[in-house]
């Protein structure tokens, strides 16, 4: 999914969540810590940066 499509999806989610909460939910999601509101598609790019910040660890189970 490209950033524009992903941003459109986030905008709909934020709009719906804001109506339910009775206040603007922008800035309250986990990915918002990585947000730069001056760039195009800020939510989509912040979510991408959050995803890239996770480290995957492989664990090998050995049976005795």
C-alpha atoms as a PDB file:
ATOM      1  CA  UNK A   1       0.000   0.000   0.000  1.00  0.00           C
ATOM      2  CA  UNK A   2       1.360   3.428  -0.883  1.00  0.00           C
ATOM      3  CA  UNK A   3       1.575   6.321   1.579  1.00  0.00           C
ATOM      4  CA  UNK A   4      -1.428   8.182   0.107  1.00  0.00           C
ATOM      5  CA  UNK A   5      -3.740   5.164   0.388  1.00  0.00           C
ATOM      6  CA  UNK A   6      -2.471   4.403   3.873  1.00  0.00           C
ATOM      7  CA  UNK A   7      -2.906   8.046   4.942  1.00  0.00           C
ATOM      8  CA  UNK A   8      -6.492   8.028   3.649  1.00  0.00           C
ATOM      9  CA  UNK A   9      -7.130   4.925   5.766  1.00  0.00           C
ATOM     10  CA  UNK A  10      -5.588   6.543   8.866  1.00  0.00           C
ATOM     11  CA  UNK A  11      -7.615   9.726   8.297  1.00  0.00           C
ATOM     12  CA  UNK A  12     -10.862   7.738   8.299  1.00  0.00           C
ATOM     13  CA  UNK A  13      -9.862   5.858  11.449  1.00  0.00           C
ATOM     14  CA  UNK A  14      -8.838   9.091  13.228  1.00  0.00           C
ATOM     15  CA  UNK A  15     -12.081  10.804  12.184  1.00  0.00           C
ATOM     16  CA  UNK A  16     -14.215   7.934  13.495  1.00  0.00           C
ATOM     17  CA  UNK A  17     -12.199   7.601  16.724  1.00  0.00           C
ATOM     18  CA  UNK A  18     -12.418  11.376  17.273  1.00  0.00           C
ATOM     19  CA  UNK A  19     -16.207  11.332  16.951  1.00  0.00           C
ATOM     20  CA  UNK A  20     -16.454   8.487  19.469  1.00  0.00           C
ATOM     21  CA  UNK A  21     -14.052  10.179  21.895  1.00  0.00           C
ATOM     22  CA  UNK A  22     -15.564  13.650  21.489  1.00  0.00           C
ATOM     23  CA  UNK A  23     -12.128  15.156  20.836  1.00  0.00           C
ATOM     24  CA  UNK A  24      -9.392  15.156  18.211  1.00  0.00           C
ATOM     25  CA  UNK A  25      -7.444  11.892  18.468  1.00  0.00           C
ATOM     26  CA  UNK A  26      -4.534  13.126  16.341  1.00  0.00           C
ATOM     27  CA  UNK A  27      -1.305  12.577  18.258  1.00  0.00           C
ATOM     28  CA  UNK A  28      -2.667   9.775  20.452  1.00  0.00           C
ATOM     29  CA  UNK A  29      -1.682   6.687  18.481  1.00  0.00           C
ATOM     30  CA  UNK A  30       1.414   4.562  19.029  1.00  0.00           C
ATOM     31  CA  UNK A  31       3.021   5.709  15.777  1.00  0.00           C
ATOM     32  CA  UNK A  32       2.486   9.419  16.551  1.00  0.00           C
ATOM     33  CA  UNK A  33       5.812   9.581  18.389  1.00  0.00           C
ATOM     34  CA  UNK A  34       7.435   9.329  14.936  1.00  0.00           C
ATOM     35  CA  UNK A  35       5.190  11.982  13.339  1.00  0.00           C
ATOM     36  CA  UNK A  36       6.423  14.995  11.378  1.00  0.00           C
ATOM     37  CA  UNK A  37       3.271  16.958  10.531  1.00  0.00           C
ATOM     38  CA  UNK A  38       5.168  19.060   7.984  1.00  0.00           C
ATOM     39  CA  UNK A  39       5.720  16.128   5.611  1.00  0.00           C
ATOM     40  CA  UNK A  40       3.171  14.712   3.171  1.00  0.00           C
ATOM     41  CA  UNK A  41       1.179  11.744   4.525  1.00  0.00           C
ATOM     42  CA  UNK A  42       2.406  12.195   8.122  1.00  0.00           C
ATOM     43  CA  UNK A  43       0.501   9.282   9.686  1.00  0.00           C
ATOM     44  CA  UNK A  44       1.517   6.815   7.002  1.00  0.00           C
ATOM     45  CA  UNK A  45       5.161   7.816   7.196  1.00  0.00           C
ATOM     46  CA  UNK A  46       5.145   7.762  11.010  1.00  0.00           C
ATOM     47  CA  UNK A  47       3.625   4.270  10.996  1.00  0.00           C
ATOM     48  CA  UNK A  48       6.304   3.158   8.540  1.00  0.00           C
ATOM     49  CA  UNK A  49       9.052   4.532  10.783  1.00  0.00           C
ATOM     50  CA  UNK A  50       7.515   2.778  13.803  1.00  0.00           C
ATOM     51  CA  UNK A  51       7.403  -0.517  11.938  1.00  0.00           C
ATOM     52  CA  UNK A  52      11.060  -0.140  10.933  1.00  0.00           C
ATOM     53  CA  UNK A  53      12.058   0.552  14.549  1.00  0.00           C
ATOM     54  CA  UNK A  54      11.001  -2.902  15.761  1.00  0.00           C
ATOM     55  CA  UNK A  55      13.755  -5.483  16.044  1.00  0.00           C
ATOM     56  CA  UNK A  56      12.945  -9.081  15.292  1.00  0.00           C
ATOM     57  CA  UNK A  57      14.640 -11.688  17.393  1.00  0.00           C
ATOM     58  CA  UNK A  58      14.889 -15.315  16.356  1.00  0.00           C
ATOM     59  CA  UNK A  59      14.703 -17.881  19.132  1.00  0.00           C
ATOM     60  CA  UNK A  60      15.794 -21.453  18.625  1.00  0.00           C
ATOM     61  CA  UNK A  61      14.127 -24.032  20.842  1.00  0.00           C
ATOM     62  CA  UNK A  62      16.234 -27.110  21.467  1.00  0.00           C
ATOM     63  CA  UNK A  63      14.713 -30.170  22.972  1.00  0.00           C
ATOM     64  CA  UNK A  64      16.908 -32.141  25.362  1.00  0.00           C
END
